[in-house]
Each structure stands twice: as C-alpha cells, then as structure tokens.
Amino acid sequence: MYAGFVTVNKTLEKRSLKLTKRKAVSPVLATLMMIIVAVAAALVTYAWVMGYTTFITGKASQGIMIQSVGHQAGNIEIYVQNVGDGTVTLSSLYINNILFTNSTISKNPLPKTETATVTNLWKPWYGSPNTVKIKIVCADGTFTEVSLNNIS
C-alpha cells in the first residue's frame, strides 16, 4: 500500500515537471504585445473620431435662413439667404408640414451669401390655422423653418 502511494506520487511529479517545462511568453515580449494592442486601439479610435468630426463640421458649414415672406395674389414668396460657407441646393418647400412640389426657385444652386426667391401658389383657406409654419429643405438635409402669425 505504501509502494502504491509512492508510485502515484512519482507519476504526479512527472506530470508537474512536464507542465513546468513548458515555456511561456517572456515578460518583455508580453509587454511589447500589450503596447502594440494599445497603440492599435488608439489608432482605430483616432480614425473614428477624426472621420466623425469632419462629417459634423462639414454639415455645420451649410446654412440657410428665411429672410422674409410675402403673400399676394395667391402666391407666397419666400426669400431664402445662404448664410453658410458653401453653395447649397434648395430642394423642398413645406407649408404646415405639407410638401409643395411645384415651387419656382429664382437661383439654384444658391452661392454663399446670396438670396433666392422661392415662389409657389398658396392661398390660405377659410378656417386655416392662424400660425403658418414654412420650412425650406436643401438637398443635403440642411433646413430652416419659420412660423408666422395671421398671414392672409
């Protein structure tokens, strides 16, 4: 019985020697691998942030503003100025959230600092709301809107 215990003990020692004979990655190599992974993660994050900020600042440089609105003889005239840094293309006119597709635009695309007139047939009807919401949208999604009271 004692001899069996010694045999089992020697077998366990051989197994543990086999396990300890395996070589691990050296501490220097492990440190270098960790540095490489950290630098790669930083580069991926940097590339994402730079792409995102370029996209956001590019959109921020576009801008339009409704300068004034006139209504006479069944036509509505909306004066829109480009207040951004680049040329914009006016694409849609909404009045009270209804798309008007047959608008006439005096100048399109609209260069920087210039004003265009958007004209459309529109007649307020009896019982129409006192507040009229006008929205102009550009091809790139830039928009401006204004609410007017008591337009007739």
Protein backbone atom coordinates (compact mmCIF):
# COMPACT_ATOMS: atom_id res chain seq x y z
CA MET A 1 0.00 0.00 0.00
CA TYR A 2 2.84 2.36 0.78
CA ALA A 3 4.58 1.45 -2.51
CA GLY A 4 1.43 2.37 -4.46
CA PHE A 5 1.38 5.76 -2.84
CA VAL A 6 4.98 6.39 -3.92
CA THR A 7 4.17 5.34 -7.48
CA VAL A 8 1.19 7.74 -7.65
CA ASN A 9 3.33 10.49 -6.14
CA LYS A 10 6.09 9.93 -8.74
CA THR A 11 3.52 9.97 -11.54
CA LEU A 12 2.19 13.30 -10.29
CA GLU A 13 5.74 14.67 -10.09
CA LYS A 14 6.38 13.68 -13.72
CA ARG A 15 3.19 15.39 -14.84
CA SER A 16 4.05 18.53 -12.92
CA LEU A 17 7.55 18.52 -14.43
CA LYS A 18 6.01 18.28 -17.90
CA LEU A 19 3.78 21.25 -17.09
CA THR A 20 6.65 23.30 -15.72
CA LYS A 21 8.89 22.52 -18.69
CA ARG A 22 6.52 24.40 -20.99
CA LYS A 23 7.82 27.84 -21.76
CA ALA A 24 5.59 30.90 -21.51
CA VAL A 25 5.96 34.17 -23.36
CA SER A 26 8.77 36.20 -21.93
CA PRO A 27 7.81 39.30 -19.90
CA VAL A 28 9.50 41.58 -22.43
CA LEU A 29 7.58 40.06 -25.34
CA ALA A 30 4.31 40.21 -23.37
CA THR A 31 4.88 43.91 -22.64
CA LEU A 32 5.59 44.63 -26.30
CA MET A 33 2.41 42.80 -27.33
CA MET A 34 0.36 44.85 -24.86
CA ILE A 35 1.85 48.08 -26.21
CA ILE A 36 1.05 47.06 -29.80
CA VAL A 37 -2.57 46.28 -28.89
CA ALA A 38 -2.94 49.61 -27.04
CA VAL A 39 -1.47 51.58 -29.97
CA ALA A 40 -3.75 49.79 -32.44
CA ALA A 41 -6.80 50.59 -30.30
CA ALA A 42 -5.73 54.23 -30.07
CA LEU A 43 -5.30 54.45 -33.86
CA VAL A 44 -8.75 52.98 -34.51
CA THR A 45 -10.31 55.43 -32.03
CA TYR A 46 -8.43 58.36 -33.57
CA ALA A 47 -9.55 57.44 -37.09
CA TRP A 48 -13.19 57.16 -35.99
CA VAL A 49 -13.15 60.49 -34.10
CA MET A 50 -11.49 62.35 -36.99
CA GLY A 51 -13.98 60.96 -39.51
CA TYR A 52 -16.90 61.85 -37.26
CA THR A 53 -15.72 65.41 -36.58
CA THR A 54 -15.02 66.01 -40.27
CA PHE A 55 -18.56 64.89 -41.09
CA ILE A 56 -20.11 67.09 -38.38
CA THR A 57 -18.10 70.21 -39.22
CA GLY A 58 -18.84 69.72 -42.92
CA LYS A 59 -22.56 69.74 -42.17
CA ALA A 60 -22.20 72.71 -39.83
CA SER A 61 -20.72 74.87 -42.58
CA GLN A 62 -24.00 74.68 -44.53
CA GLY A 63 -26.78 77.05 -43.53
CA ILE A 64 -29.80 78.88 -44.90
CA MET A 65 -32.14 81.44 -43.37
CA ILE A 66 -35.59 82.67 -44.31
CA GLN A 67 -35.22 86.46 -44.53
CA SER A 68 -38.84 87.38 -45.26
CA VAL A 69 -42.14 86.03 -46.53
CA GLY A 70 -44.65 87.81 -48.75
CA HIS A 71 -48.13 86.79 -49.82
CA GLN A 72 -50.15 88.38 -52.59
CA ALA A 73 -52.47 87.35 -55.44
CA GLY A 74 -52.49 83.69 -54.41
CA ASN A 75 -48.70 83.38 -54.43
CA ILE A 76 -46.37 83.03 -51.48
CA GLU A 77 -42.85 84.37 -51.90
CA ILE A 78 -40.15 83.25 -49.51
CA TYR A 79 -36.75 84.94 -49.54
CA VAL A 80 -34.02 82.50 -48.52
CA GLN A 81 -30.40 83.50 -47.91
CA ASN A 82 -27.39 81.20 -47.87
CA VAL A 83 -25.62 82.00 -44.57
CA GLY A 84 -23.21 79.05 -44.73
CA ASP A 85 -19.69 78.71 -46.08
CA GLY A 86 -20.53 76.85 -49.30
CA THR A 87 -23.07 76.56 -52.08
CA VAL A 88 -26.42 74.95 -51.22
CA THR A 89 -29.14 73.46 -53.42
CA LEU A 90 -32.69 74.22 -52.34
CA SER A 91 -34.92 71.20 -52.86
CA SER A 92 -38.22 71.27 -50.92
CA LEU A 93 -40.83 73.68 -49.59
CA TYR A 94 -43.20 72.67 -46.79
CA ILE A 95 -46.10 74.81 -45.60
CA ASN A 96 -47.80 73.48 -42.46
CA ASN A 97 -45.94 70.19 -42.98
CA ILE A 98 -47.38 69.74 -46.50
CA LEU A 99 -44.84 69.31 -49.30
CA PHE A 100 -45.29 71.73 -52.22
CA THR A 101 -43.66 70.20 -55.28
CA ASN A 102 -44.21 72.88 -57.92
CA SER A 103 -42.12 75.65 -56.39
CA THR A 104 -40.21 78.13 -58.54
CA ILE A 105 -36.73 78.95 -57.25
CA SER A 106 -35.04 82.05 -58.67
CA LYS A 107 -31.45 80.89 -58.11
CA ASN A 108 -30.49 77.26 -57.58
CA PRO A 109 -27.85 76.22 -56.52
CA LEU A 110 -27.52 79.17 -54.21
CA PRO A 111 -23.98 80.57 -53.79
CA LYS A 112 -22.58 81.77 -50.47
CA THR A 113 -24.22 84.95 -49.04
CA GLU A 114 -26.76 85.23 -51.88
CA THR A 115 -30.56 85.27 -51.62
CA ALA A 116 -33.09 83.33 -53.69
CA THR A 117 -36.84 83.71 -54.00
CA VAL A 118 -38.99 80.59 -53.64
CA THR A 119 -42.43 81.16 -55.13
CA ASN A 120 -45.45 78.87 -55.01
CA LEU A 121 -49.21 79.03 -55.41
CA TRP A 122 -50.70 79.13 -51.95
CA LYS A 123 -53.90 80.62 -50.68
CA PRO A 124 -54.94 80.46 -47.05
CA TRP A 125 -58.38 78.92 -46.85
CA TYR A 126 -61.24 79.78 -44.58
CA GLY A 127 -60.60 78.23 -41.20
CA SER A 128 -56.85 77.76 -41.81
CA PRO A 129 -54.71 78.00 -38.68
CA ASN A 130 -53.56 81.42 -37.53
CA THR A 131 -49.96 80.22 -37.39
CA VAL A 132 -48.34 79.13 -40.64
CA LYS A 133 -45.13 77.09 -40.49
CA ILE A 134 -42.83 77.40 -43.52
CA LYS A 135 -39.87 75.06 -43.96
CA ILE A 136 -37.22 75.08 -46.71
CA VAL A 137 -35.00 71.99 -47.10
CA CYS A 138 -31.74 71.66 -49.06
CA ALA A 139 -30.60 68.60 -50.97
CA ASP A 140 -28.05 67.72 -48.23
CA GLY A 141 -30.69 67.87 -45.45
CA THR A 142 -29.91 71.37 -44.19
CA PHE A 143 -33.15 73.19 -43.42
CA THR A 144 -34.66 76.30 -41.95
CA GLU A 145 -38.16 76.99 -40.76
CA VAL A 146 -40.20 79.92 -39.54
CA SER A 147 -43.65 80.29 -38.00
CA LEU A 148 -45.77 83.27 -38.98
CA ASN A 149 -48.93 84.55 -37.28
CA ASN A 150 -52.01 85.94 -39.02
CA ILE A 151 -50.92 85.52 -42.61
CA SER A 152 -53.75 86.24 -45.04
